[in-house]
Amino acid sequence: MGELEVEPLEHEICPTEQKPLATWRLSLILFSLCVGLMLSMMDNSIVSTSLYTISMEFGSLAEGIWTVLAYTLSYLGFAVIFAQLSDFTGRMFAVLGAFTVFIAFSIGCGFAQSLHQLIIFRTFQGVGGSGLYALTLIIALELSTSKTWPIISGLVGATIAIAGVLGPILGGILTEYASWRWIFWINAPCGVVPMIIFAIAWPKGQSHDHAIRKKITQFDLLGSLLLLAASVLVVFGLHEAGTGTYAWGSSVTVSTLVIGGLCWIALFTWSFVLSRPRWSQIAAIYPWDLFSCRVMLAGIISTMFTGFTFFVVIFNLPLRSQIVNGLSPAAAGVRLLPLLCATAVGSFLGGAASSKKNRTFHTFAIATAFVILGAGLLSTIPADFKIPGKVYGFEVIVGFGIGLTFSTISLLTTIQTTAHLHAVAQGIVSQVRVLGGSIGIAAANALFRVQSHKELQGILTEEQIGALQTSTKILNTLDAPEAQAVRQAYSDAFSQSMRVCTYMAAVAFIAALFTWQRNPPHKKH
């Protein structure tokens, strides 16, 4: 594979050559984007915490899981689409549109009168959330300079980590002391204020995104549909089989995975077709240039596999604390603070390391090595009722590595792509991280299902074992020996998940090695 053509001569790490924004404008824009990013990322973890309560009100625990899955699938499928749409509408209108969709359907979720209504509203809420996620990463980097990039990358990384921690805490508090409906209604005031601030602070007239505007006739509609189908079908099939809703050999599982895989093949084939001069008038949703570039392809693959580990740790470590250690959702979330702080520090240092010279290869390799070590250590946690102090050190190791990858891949994407590919490239990075994480969660669910059936057969009924997939409250109905058996089973399943994460992180490390360049593009002096 060849090297992706970069802008000739010196290449700025900062993606924009325009005059930097006034400090007050930049601060307000970043505040607005980070609040939107936090709301969109922690929404699913908040709902996961309240899933049992929501499901019981509507009388269906089996269908209740779709309130989480619907958001995940739309969040996954629209990240790249929103990124490309921002090239047509401009960044400002894309952000305001994402805020509007997210807030409007959050309110709708709060007023839902049936589970089916809630699932539909959650699907559209995820569309808006995906836009906030992808556009924050794009715009934050575009508005950065070489001096502000380390701070901004650290801010974005910290926001992602904080969202993962605050979700379970906020969900537990609102569900216990108010109503589950407030987990959606709270998005309205928390979203409207930053949306207004963003609209006021965004520079008018000489908008930073005028230079990359494209004609709507260039929009890759077929590629967008293939991307949606490929992402949704694969994750749906893995999730439903992992939770036991359908057997792995069932027609539903096999057909969704096969059709999803064929859609991925069709998507890459279509991207190759669009790379031919005859079709150059269409802006591919997955530009072939990105995947014919060794460095970018390696970075994307590495990001997907580190996303696998990140999401499994963020979602399963608090769940382990609740099941094995008997903590409340809020207390379990607080125990993730070492991970949060380490992620923020890693994200800041990843940006700082390349502020004057392109060291993305070095930080990528170091980052994935830390993730391997941290995941491996987390797999050794014993099934004690009390959390060992060393667990917090393990969190620091894996969090630091993940934080490094956040800023490094964003910077690598900017260095390796020209302006017209920047937004869609950042969108792809955003999507593959969530794709990897979604596959990771599905794999963790499958491992827990296998382990619980293996260790709990004859101790719990089939209905009780199945209920453990969606709620920890069943523990309150068990006697002491049964509860201990569940704790042991989940501890063993978590250790297996962390071992799998270690293997996935090793793949990410190998992929990161392929980002090496003899003479990497760098900032001009």
Protein backbone atom coordinates (compact mmCIF):
# COMPACT_ATOMS: atom_id res chain seq x y z
CA MET A 1 0.00 0.00 0.00
CA GLY A 2 1.22 3.46 -0.75
CA GLU A 3 1.39 6.58 1.33
CA LEU A 4 -1.60 8.88 1.29
CA GLU A 5 -0.70 12.09 -0.50
CA VAL A 6 -0.36 14.96 1.94
CA GLU A 7 -0.19 18.63 1.26
CA PRO A 8 3.07 19.50 -0.45
CA LEU A 9 6.18 20.73 1.32
CA GLU A 10 5.62 21.48 4.97
CA HIS A 11 2.50 20.06 6.52
CA GLU A 12 0.90 21.76 9.46
CA ILE A 13 -0.25 19.64 12.36
CA CYS A 14 -2.96 22.21 12.86
CA PRO A 15 -5.52 21.47 10.11
CA THR A 16 -6.50 25.05 9.50
CA GLU A 17 -4.29 27.78 8.13
CA GLN A 18 -6.74 30.51 9.04
CA LYS A 19 -6.17 33.07 11.73
CA PRO A 20 -6.65 31.43 15.14
CA LEU A 21 -9.89 32.24 16.94
CA ALA A 22 -9.99 34.69 19.80
CA THR A 23 -9.46 32.90 23.10
CA TRP A 24 -13.00 33.60 24.33
CA ARG A 25 -14.54 32.19 21.14
CA LEU A 26 -12.38 29.08 21.22
CA SER A 27 -13.11 28.50 24.91
CA LEU A 28 -16.89 28.81 24.46
CA ILE A 29 -16.92 26.58 21.37
CA LEU A 30 -14.88 23.91 23.10
CA PHE A 31 -17.06 24.10 26.21
CA SER A 32 -20.20 23.63 24.11
CA LEU A 33 -18.75 20.74 22.12
CA CYS A 34 -17.41 18.93 25.18
CA VAL A 35 -20.75 19.21 26.98
CA GLY A 36 -22.49 17.79 23.90
CA LEU A 37 -19.89 15.02 23.64
CA MET A 38 -20.34 14.15 27.30
CA LEU A 39 -24.14 14.06 27.06
CA SER A 40 -24.06 11.81 24.00
CA MET A 41 -21.46 9.40 25.37
CA MET A 42 -22.82 8.93 28.87
CA ASP A 43 -26.44 8.57 27.75
CA ASN A 44 -26.26 4.84 27.13
CA SER A 45 -24.48 4.10 30.40
CA ILE A 46 -27.14 6.13 32.24
CA VAL A 47 -29.92 4.15 30.56
CA SER A 48 -28.11 0.86 31.20
CA THR A 49 -28.14 1.66 34.92
CA SER A 50 -31.90 2.34 34.80
CA LEU A 51 -32.74 -0.52 32.41
CA TYR A 52 -34.35 -2.75 35.01
CA THR A 53 -36.62 0.03 36.30
CA ILE A 54 -37.68 1.05 32.78
CA SER A 55 -38.30 -2.54 31.71
CA MET A 56 -40.40 -3.32 34.78
CA GLU A 57 -42.61 -0.26 34.23
CA PHE A 58 -43.41 -1.36 30.69
CA GLY A 59 -43.55 -5.05 31.61
CA SER A 60 -40.87 -6.51 29.34
CA LEU A 61 -37.28 -7.09 30.40
CA ALA A 62 -36.50 -8.87 27.13
CA GLU A 63 -37.61 -5.93 24.96
CA GLY A 64 -36.21 -3.38 27.41
CA ILE A 65 -32.65 -4.16 26.32
CA TRP A 66 -33.56 -2.53 22.99
CA THR A 67 -33.62 0.87 24.70
CA VAL A 68 -29.85 0.46 24.94
CA LEU A 69 -29.25 -1.39 21.68
CA ALA A 70 -31.30 1.03 19.53
CA TYR A 71 -29.15 3.97 20.67
CA THR A 72 -25.93 2.01 20.15
CA LEU A 73 -26.80 0.96 16.61
CA SER A 74 -27.84 4.42 15.41
CA TYR A 75 -24.88 5.99 17.23
CA LEU A 76 -22.59 3.59 15.42
CA GLY A 77 -24.17 3.90 11.99
CA PHE A 78 -24.39 7.69 11.69
CA ALA A 79 -20.99 8.88 12.97
CA VAL A 80 -19.34 8.88 9.53
CA ILE A 81 -22.51 10.10 7.82
CA PHE A 82 -22.75 13.12 10.11
CA ALA A 83 -19.07 13.83 9.56
CA GLN A 84 -19.52 13.87 5.79
CA LEU A 85 -22.75 15.87 5.99
CA SER A 86 -20.83 18.60 7.81
CA ASP A 87 -18.77 19.01 4.63
CA PHE A 88 -21.99 19.90 2.78
CA THR A 89 -23.87 21.94 5.37
CA GLY A 90 -20.90 23.47 7.14
CA ARG A 91 -19.72 22.60 10.65
CA MET A 92 -21.97 25.07 12.47
CA PHE A 93 -25.27 23.84 10.99
CA ALA A 94 -24.20 20.22 11.44
CA VAL A 95 -23.52 20.77 15.15
CA LEU A 96 -26.76 22.68 15.69
CA GLY A 97 -28.64 19.94 13.84
CA ALA A 98 -27.06 17.23 15.99
CA PHE A 99 -27.91 19.15 19.19
CA THR A 100 -31.49 19.68 18.03
CA VAL A 101 -32.10 16.03 17.14
CA PHE A 102 -30.50 14.80 20.36
CA ILE A 103 -32.44 17.20 22.61
CA ALA A 104 -35.79 16.80 20.85
CA PHE A 105 -35.78 13.01 21.00
CA SER A 106 -34.42 13.03 24.55
CA ILE A 107 -37.55 14.92 25.55
CA GLY A 108 -39.61 12.45 23.53
CA CYS A 109 -37.99 9.54 25.41
CA GLY A 110 -38.99 11.12 28.72
CA PHE A 111 -42.63 11.33 27.62
CA ALA A 112 -42.75 7.86 26.01
CA GLN A 113 -45.94 5.97 26.92
CA SER A 114 -44.85 2.56 25.64
CA LEU A 115 -41.66 0.61 25.21
CA HIS A 116 -42.02 0.73 21.43
CA GLN A 117 -42.24 4.54 21.51
CA LEU A 118 -39.17 4.69 23.74
CA ILE A 119 -37.17 2.45 21.40
CA ILE A 120 -38.07 4.60 18.36
CA PHE A 121 -37.19 7.83 20.17
CA ARG A 122 -33.92 6.27 21.40
CA THR A 123 -33.00 5.39 17.81
CA PHE A 124 -33.29 9.01 16.68
CA GLN A 125 -31.64 10.24 19.86
CA GLY A 126 -28.65 8.09 18.92
CA VAL A 127 -28.51 9.77 15.50
CA GLY A 128 -28.09 13.16 17.17
CA GLY A 129 -25.64 11.72 19.69
CA SER A 130 -23.45 10.28 16.94
CA GLY A 131 -23.24 13.73 15.34
CA LEU A 132 -22.15 15.36 18.61
CA TYR A 133 -19.51 12.67 19.08
CA ALA A 134 -17.99 12.80 15.60
CA LEU A 135 -18.21 16.58 15.11
CA THR A 136 -16.58 17.36 18.46
CA LEU A 137 -13.48 15.39 17.48
CA ILE A 138 -13.41 17.05 14.06
CA ILE A 139 -13.93 20.65 15.11
CA ALA A 140 -11.76 20.54 18.23
CA LEU A 141 -8.79 19.54 16.12
CA GLU A 142 -9.57 21.91 13.27
CA LEU A 143 -9.63 24.89 15.63
CA SER A 144 -6.43 23.86 17.41
CA THR A 145 -2.99 25.32 16.91
CA SER A 146 0.28 23.59 17.73
CA LYS A 147 0.30 25.43 21.07
CA THR A 148 -3.28 24.65 22.07
CA TRP A 149 -3.49 21.11 20.72
CA PRO A 150 -2.03 19.37 23.82
CA ILE A 151 -4.55 21.13 26.07
CA ILE A 152 -7.48 20.55 23.72
CA SER A 153 -6.66 16.88 23.15
CA GLY A 154 -6.42 16.39 26.91
CA LEU A 155 -9.77 18.13 27.35
CA VAL A 156 -11.48 15.89 24.78
CA GLY A 157 -9.91 12.76 26.24
CA ALA A 158 -10.95 13.76 29.75
CA THR A 159 -14.49 14.43 28.53
CA ILE A 160 -14.77 10.93 27.07
CA ALA A 161 -13.45 9.39 30.28
CA ILE A 162 -15.68 11.51 32.54
CA ALA A 163 -18.71 10.52 30.49
CA GLY A 164 -17.94 6.86 31.10
CA VAL A 165 -17.76 7.43 34.86
CA LEU A 166 -20.60 9.90 35.37
CA GLY A 167 -23.13 7.82 33.43
CA PRO A 168 -23.64 5.07 36.02
CA ILE A 169 -23.46 7.56 38.90
CA LEU A 170 -26.03 9.96 37.44
CA GLY A 171 -28.27 7.14 36.26
CA GLY A 172 -28.32 5.58 39.71
CA ILE A 173 -29.05 8.88 41.48
CA LEU A 174 -31.85 9.98 39.14
CA THR A 175 -33.52 6.58 39.08
CA GLU A 176 -33.35 6.17 42.86
CA TYR A 177 -34.30 9.69 43.97
CA ALA A 178 -36.39 11.06 41.07
CA SER A 179 -37.70 9.09 38.07
CA TRP A 180 -36.10 7.27 35.17
CA ARG A 181 -37.76 9.84 32.90
CA TRP A 182 -35.42 12.49 34.25
CA ILE A 183 -32.42 10.70 32.75
CA PHE A 184 -33.81 11.93 29.41
CA TRP A 185 -35.37 15.24 30.42
CA ILE A 186 -32.12 16.44 31.96
CA ASN A 187 -30.60 16.47 28.46
CA ALA A 188 -32.86 19.41 27.51
CA PRO A 189 -31.43 22.13 29.79
CA CYS A 190 -27.96 20.57 29.67
CA GLY A 191 -28.07 20.57 25.85
CA VAL A 192 -29.89 23.81 25.03
CA VAL A 193 -27.45 26.03 26.94
CA PRO A 194 -24.28 24.82 25.15
CA MET A 195 -26.15 24.83 21.83
CA ILE A 196 -26.97 28.54 22.25
CA ILE A 197 -23.43 29.29 23.40
CA PHE A 198 -22.02 27.48 20.36
CA ALA A 199 -24.26 29.43 17.96
CA ILE A 200 -23.15 32.73 19.51
CA ALA A 201 -19.43 31.89 19.67
CA TRP A 202 -19.06 30.35 16.21
CA PRO A 203 -17.38 32.89 13.88
CA LYS A 204 -19.81 34.27 11.30
CA GLY A 205 -19.02 35.35 7.77
CA GLN A 206 -15.46 34.05 7.68
CA SER A 207 -16.64 30.68 9.01
CA HIS A 208 -13.85 28.14 9.33
CA ASP A 209 -15.72 25.60 7.27
CA HIS A 210 -16.49 27.53 4.10
CA ALA A 211 -13.37 26.23 2.37
CA ILE A 212 -14.46 22.60 2.56
CA ARG A 213 -18.10 23.04 1.50
CA LYS A 214 -19.21 20.51 -1.11
CA LYS A 215 -22.25 20.33 -3.35
CA ILE A 216 -25.07 18.12 -2.10
CA THR A 217 -24.99 16.24 -5.42
CA GLN A 218 -21.61 14.86 -4.31
CA PHE A 219 -23.12 13.12 -1.28
CA ASP A 220 -22.52 9.35 -1.31
CA LEU A 221 -26.06 8.07 -0.70
CA LEU A 222 -25.38 4.45 -1.69
CA GLY A 223 -22.24 4.31 0.46
CA SER A 224 -24.18 5.74 3.42
CA LEU A 225 -26.89 3.09 3.10
CA LEU A 226 -24.31 0.31 2.82
CA LEU A 227 -22.46 1.67 5.85
CA LEU A 228 -25.64 1.76 7.93
CA ALA A 229 -26.60 -1.77 6.93
CA ALA A 230 -23.09 -3.16 7.47
CA SER A 231 -22.66 -1.60 10.91
CA VAL A 232 -26.14 -2.26 12.25
CA LEU A 233 -26.53 -5.85 11.03
CA VAL A 234 -23.17 -7.10 12.28
CA VAL A 235 -23.50 -5.55 15.74
CA PHE A 236 -27.16 -6.62 15.98
CA GLY A 237 -26.30 -10.22 15.15
CA LEU A 238 -23.41 -10.37 17.60
CA HIS A 239 -25.39 -8.71 20.39
CA GLU A 240 -28.51 -10.86 20.04
CA ALA A 241 -26.47 -14.06 19.91
CA GLY A 242 -24.24 -12.92 22.76
CA THR A 243 -27.18 -12.28 25.08
CA GLY A 244 -28.88 -15.52 24.09
CA THR A 245 -31.91 -13.92 22.43
CA TYR A 246 -31.13 -16.03 19.37
CA ALA A 247 -28.82 -19.03 19.11
CA TRP A 248 -25.55 -18.59 17.22
CA GLY A 249 -26.77 -21.07 14.61
CA SER A 250 -30.23 -19.55 14.25
CA SER A 251 -31.41 -18.19 10.91
CA VAL A 252 -31.69 -14.68 12.37
CA THR A 253 -28.10 -14.62 13.65
CA VAL A 254 -26.57 -16.24 10.57
CA SER A 255 -28.51 -14.11 8.09
CA THR A 256 -27.76 -10.79 9.81
CA LEU A 257 -24.04 -11.58 10.12
CA VAL A 258 -23.76 -12.82 6.54
CA ILE A 259 -25.71 -9.93 5.02
CA GLY A 260 -23.81 -7.45 7.21
CA GLY A 261 -20.51 -8.93 6.06
CA LEU A 262 -21.60 -8.75 2.42
CA CYS A 263 -22.56 -5.09 2.93
CA TRP A 264 -19.04 -4.37 4.20
CA ILE A 265 -17.60 -6.01 1.10
CA ALA A 266 -19.99 -4.03 -1.10
CA LEU A 267 -19.08 -0.82 0.72
CA PHE A 268 -15.35 -1.23 0.10
CA THR A 269 -16.02 -2.26 -3.50
CA TRP A 270 -18.14 0.85 -4.01
CA SER A 271 -15.40 2.99 -2.43
CA PHE A 272 -12.91 1.56 -4.91
CA VAL A 273 -15.27 2.33 -7.79
CA LEU A 274 -15.60 5.94 -6.58
CA SER A 275 -11.81 6.28 -6.58
CA ARG A 276 -11.84 5.99 -10.38
CA PRO A 277 -11.76 9.31 -12.31
CA ARG A 278 -15.13 8.61 -13.93
CA TRP A 279 -16.86 8.73 -10.52
CA SER A 280 -14.76 11.44 -8.89
CA GLN A 281 -17.77 13.79 -8.62
CA ILE A 282 -19.12 11.70 -5.69
CA ALA A 283 -17.46 12.16 -2.29
CA ALA A 284 -17.12 8.59 -0.97
CA ILE A 285 -18.36 8.00 2.57
CA TYR A 286 -15.36 5.65 2.98
CA PRO A 287 -12.67 7.22 0.74
CA TRP A 288 -10.47 4.61 -0.88
CA ASP A 289 -7.43 6.85 -0.40
CA LEU A 290 -7.65 6.30 3.35
CA PHE A 291 -7.55 2.53 3.03
CA SER A 292 -4.82 2.48 0.40
CA CYS A 293 -2.61 4.40 2.83
CA ARG A 294 -0.67 2.03 5.08
CA VAL A 295 -0.34 4.50 7.95
CA MET A 296 -4.01 5.46 8.05
CA LEU A 297 -5.22 1.89 7.65
CA ALA A 298 -2.96 0.77 10.49
CA GLY A 299 -4.19 3.59 12.71
CA ILE A 300 -7.84 2.77 11.98
CA ILE A 301 -7.35 -0.95 12.71
CA SER A 302 -5.46 -0.19 15.92
CA THR A 303 -8.22 2.19 17.04
CA MET A 304 -10.91 -0.43 16.48
CA PHE A 305 -9.13 -2.98 18.66
CA THR A 306 -8.31 -0.50 21.43
CA GLY A 307 -11.98 0.56 21.29
CA PHE A 308 -12.82 -3.09 22.00
CA THR A 309 -10.86 -2.95 25.26
CA PHE A 310 -11.99 0.56 26.24
CA PHE A 311 -15.70 -0.17 26.04
CA VAL A 312 -15.42 -3.55 27.78
CA VAL A 313 -13.54 -1.97 30.70
CA ILE A 314 -15.85 1.05 30.95
CA PHE A 315 -19.04 -1.03 30.90
CA ASN A 316 -17.97 -4.27 32.60
CA LEU A 317 -15.70 -3.08 35.40
CA PRO A 318 -18.53 -1.13 37.13
CA LEU A 319 -20.85 -4.10 36.56
CA ARG A 320 -18.27 -6.39 38.17
CA SER A 321 -18.07 -4.04 41.17
CA GLN A 322 -21.85 -4.29 41.57
CA ILE A 323 -22.12 -8.07 41.19
CA VAL A 324 -18.90 -9.27 42.82
CA ASN A 325 -18.32 -6.50 45.36
CA GLY A 326 -21.90 -5.52 46.15
CA LEU A 327 -21.51 -1.83 45.32
CA SER A 328 -24.28 0.48 44.14
CA PRO A 329 -24.13 1.78 40.54
CA ALA A 330 -23.03 5.19 41.83
CA ALA A 331 -20.29 3.75 44.03
CA ALA A 332 -19.12 1.50 41.20
CA GLY A 333 -18.84 4.53 38.94
CA VAL A 334 -16.77 6.41 41.50
CA ARG A 335 -14.31 3.49 41.54
CA LEU A 336 -13.50 4.38 37.92
CA LEU A 337 -11.98 7.73 38.88
CA PRO A 338 -8.37 6.44 38.56
CA LEU A 339 -9.20 5.35 35.00
CA LEU A 340 -10.72 8.77 34.29
CA CYS A 341 -7.72 10.73 35.56
CA ALA A 342 -5.22 8.48 33.78
CA THR A 343 -7.11 8.78 30.50
CA ALA A 344 -7.06 12.59 30.73
CA VAL A 345 -3.32 12.61 31.49
CA GLY A 346 -2.59 10.17 28.67
CA SER A 347 -4.63 12.20 26.20
CA PHE A 348 -2.80 15.39 27.17
CA LEU A 349 0.65 13.81 26.93
CA GLY A 350 -0.20 12.19 23.61
CA GLY A 351 -0.89 15.59 22.10
CA ALA A 352 2.07 17.24 23.81
CA ALA A 353 4.49 14.58 22.55
CA SER A 354 3.81 15.62 18.93
CA SER A 355 3.36 19.35 19.45
CA LYS A 356 6.70 20.14 17.78
CA LYS A 357 7.61 16.94 15.99
CA ASN A 358 5.55 14.06 14.64
CA ARG A 359 5.98 11.31 17.25
CA THR A 360 2.66 9.59 16.59
CA PHE A 361 4.32 6.23 15.88
CA HIS A 362 6.09 6.24 19.23
CA THR A 363 3.04 7.29 21.23
CA PHE A 364 0.84 4.77 19.42
CA ALA A 365 3.22 1.91 20.17
CA ILE A 366 3.63 2.95 23.81
CA ALA A 367 -0.13 3.46 24.21
CA THR A 368 -1.09 0.02 22.96
CA ALA A 369 1.65 -1.57 25.08
CA PHE A 370 0.11 0.06 28.18
CA VAL A 371 -3.33 -1.23 27.16
CA ILE A 372 -1.95 -4.77 26.81
CA LEU A 373 -0.36 -4.58 30.26
CA GLY A 374 -3.41 -3.00 31.93
CA ALA A 375 -5.91 -5.45 30.44
CA GLY A 376 -3.69 -8.38 31.36
CA LEU A 377 -3.41 -7.20 34.97
CA LEU A 378 -7.19 -6.63 35.23
CA SER A 379 -7.69 -10.28 34.24
CA THR A 380 -5.96 -11.32 37.49
CA ILE A 381 -8.41 -9.66 39.92
CA PRO A 382 -9.55 -12.23 42.51
CA ALA A 383 -13.22 -12.81 43.31
CA ASP A 384 -12.91 -11.22 46.77
CA PHE A 385 -15.85 -9.29 48.17
CA LYS A 386 -13.51 -6.37 48.92
CA ILE A 387 -11.87 -4.63 45.96
CA PRO A 388 -8.07 -5.03 46.17
CA GLY A 389 -6.18 -1.73 46.15
CA LYS A 390 -4.04 -2.85 43.21
CA VAL A 391 -7.11 -2.71 40.94
CA TYR A 392 -6.90 1.09 40.93
CA GLY A 393 -3.29 0.86 39.75
CA PHE A 394 -4.38 -1.46 36.95
CA GLU A 395 -7.03 1.10 35.97
CA VAL A 396 -4.34 3.80 35.77
CA ILE A 397 -2.23 1.69 33.43
CA VAL A 398 -5.00 0.83 30.98
CA GLY A 399 -6.53 4.33 31.21
CA PHE A 400 -3.19 6.00 30.45
CA GLY A 401 -2.74 3.84 27.37
CA ILE A 402 -6.26 4.48 26.11
CA GLY A 403 -5.86 8.23 26.68
CA LEU A 404 -2.70 8.22 24.60
CA THR A 405 -4.55 6.57 21.73
CA PHE A 406 -7.34 9.20 21.78
CA SER A 407 -5.07 12.12 20.99
CA THR A 408 -2.60 10.17 18.87
CA ILE A 409 -5.12 8.85 16.36
CA SER A 410 -6.77 12.27 16.02
CA LEU A 411 -3.40 13.85 15.36
CA LEU A 412 -2.33 11.08 13.00
CA THR A 413 -5.54 11.47 11.02
CA THR A 414 -4.97 15.19 10.63
CA ILE A 415 -1.34 14.80 9.57
CA GLN A 416 -2.04 12.05 7.05
CA THR A 417 -5.08 13.56 5.32
CA THR A 418 -5.68 16.65 3.26
CA ALA A 419 -8.41 19.15 4.16
CA HIS A 420 -11.11 17.62 1.94
CA LEU A 421 -10.73 14.22 3.65
CA HIS A 422 -10.24 15.44 7.20
CA ALA A 423 -13.85 15.38 8.42
CA VAL A 424 -14.79 11.99 7.00
CA ALA A 425 -11.49 10.51 8.24
CA GLN A 426 -12.21 11.69 11.79
CA GLY A 427 -15.73 10.33 11.43
CA ILE A 428 -14.37 6.93 10.42
CA VAL A 429 -12.03 6.92 13.41
CA SER A 430 -14.97 7.76 15.67
CA GLN A 431 -17.06 5.01 14.14
CA VAL A 432 -14.49 2.22 14.26
CA ARG A 433 -13.82 2.95 17.95
CA VAL A 434 -17.53 2.49 18.71
CA LEU A 435 -17.72 -0.50 16.34
CA GLY A 436 -14.86 -2.19 18.16
CA GLY A 437 -16.44 -1.34 21.51
CA SER A 438 -19.84 -2.70 20.45
CA ILE A 439 -18.24 -5.96 19.34
CA GLY A 440 -16.34 -6.06 22.63
CA ILE A 441 -19.49 -5.69 24.71
CA ALA A 442 -21.22 -8.37 22.65
CA ALA A 443 -18.24 -10.68 23.20
CA ALA A 444 -18.25 -9.97 26.95
CA ASN A 445 -21.98 -10.74 27.13
CA ALA A 446 -21.41 -14.00 25.29
CA LEU A 447 -18.60 -14.99 27.64
CA PHE A 448 -20.75 -14.23 30.69
CA ARG A 449 -23.62 -16.23 29.24
CA VAL A 450 -21.38 -19.26 28.61
CA GLN A 451 -19.71 -18.98 32.00
CA SER A 452 -22.98 -18.51 33.93
CA HIS A 453 -24.54 -21.55 32.28
CA LYS A 454 -21.40 -23.55 32.98
CA GLU A 455 -21.09 -22.64 36.66
CA LEU A 456 -24.70 -21.97 37.69
CA GLN A 457 -26.52 -24.93 36.16
CA GLY A 458 -28.28 -26.71 38.99
CA ILE A 459 -27.85 -23.72 41.31
CA LEU A 460 -30.18 -21.24 39.59
CA THR A 461 -33.10 -21.79 37.24
CA GLU A 462 -32.78 -21.05 33.51
CA GLU A 463 -34.99 -17.96 33.99
CA GLN A 464 -32.73 -16.65 36.76
CA ILE A 465 -29.59 -17.24 34.70
CA GLY A 466 -31.16 -15.43 31.73
CA ALA A 467 -32.22 -12.50 33.91
CA LEU A 468 -28.60 -11.97 35.00
CA GLN A 469 -27.85 -10.83 31.44
CA THR A 470 -29.89 -7.64 31.87
CA SER A 471 -30.10 -6.84 35.59
CA THR A 472 -28.07 -7.24 38.76
CA LYS A 473 -31.16 -6.81 40.98
CA ILE A 474 -31.87 -10.52 40.82
CA LEU A 475 -29.04 -10.89 43.34
CA ASN A 476 -31.38 -9.48 45.97
CA THR A 477 -33.65 -12.51 45.56
CA LEU A 478 -30.92 -15.14 46.06
CA ASP A 479 -29.73 -16.80 49.24
CA ALA A 480 -26.10 -16.50 50.33
CA PRO A 481 -24.70 -19.63 48.56
CA GLU A 482 -26.50 -18.75 45.32
CA ALA A 483 -25.30 -15.14 45.41
CA GLN A 484 -21.72 -16.29 46.01
CA ALA A 485 -21.95 -18.66 43.06
CA VAL A 486 -23.12 -15.78 40.84
CA ARG A 487 -20.27 -13.58 42.07
CA GLN A 488 -17.73 -16.28 41.28
CA ALA A 489 -19.21 -16.91 37.84
CA TYR A 490 -19.18 -13.25 36.93
CA SER A 491 -15.66 -12.79 38.27
CA ASP A 492 -14.47 -15.68 36.11
CA ALA A 493 -16.32 -14.28 33.07
CA PHE A 494 -14.78 -10.83 33.64
CA SER A 495 -11.29 -12.35 33.84
CA GLN A 496 -11.92 -14.16 30.56
CA SER A 497 -13.13 -10.92 28.97
CA MET A 498 -9.97 -9.14 30.09
CA ARG A 499 -7.83 -11.91 28.64
CA VAL A 500 -9.64 -11.49 25.33
CA CYS A 501 -9.07 -7.72 25.63
CA THR A 502 -5.37 -8.44 26.13
CA TYR A 503 -5.30 -10.36 22.84
CA MET A 504 -7.21 -7.58 21.09
CA ALA A 505 -4.78 -5.00 22.49
CA ALA A 506 -1.91 -7.11 21.16
CA VAL A 507 -3.46 -6.91 17.69
CA ALA A 508 -3.76 -3.13 18.17
CA PHE A 509 -0.07 -3.00 19.09
CA ILE A 510 0.94 -4.92 15.97
CA ALA A 511 -1.23 -2.63 13.82
CA ALA A 512 0.32 0.42 15.51
CA LEU A 513 3.78 -0.73 14.41
CA PHE A 514 2.68 -0.24 10.80
CA THR A 515 2.24 3.52 11.39
CA TRP A 516 6.02 3.85 11.26
CA GLN A 517 7.40 6.16 8.55
CA ARG A 518 10.99 6.83 7.64
CA ASN A 519 10.32 10.55 7.14
CA PRO A 520 6.93 11.30 8.72
CA PRO A 521 5.14 14.55 7.82
CA HIS A 522 5.75 17.13 10.50
CA LYS A 523 4.97 20.67 11.52
CA LYS A 524 6.95 23.32 9.72
CA HIS A 525 9.14 25.47 11.89
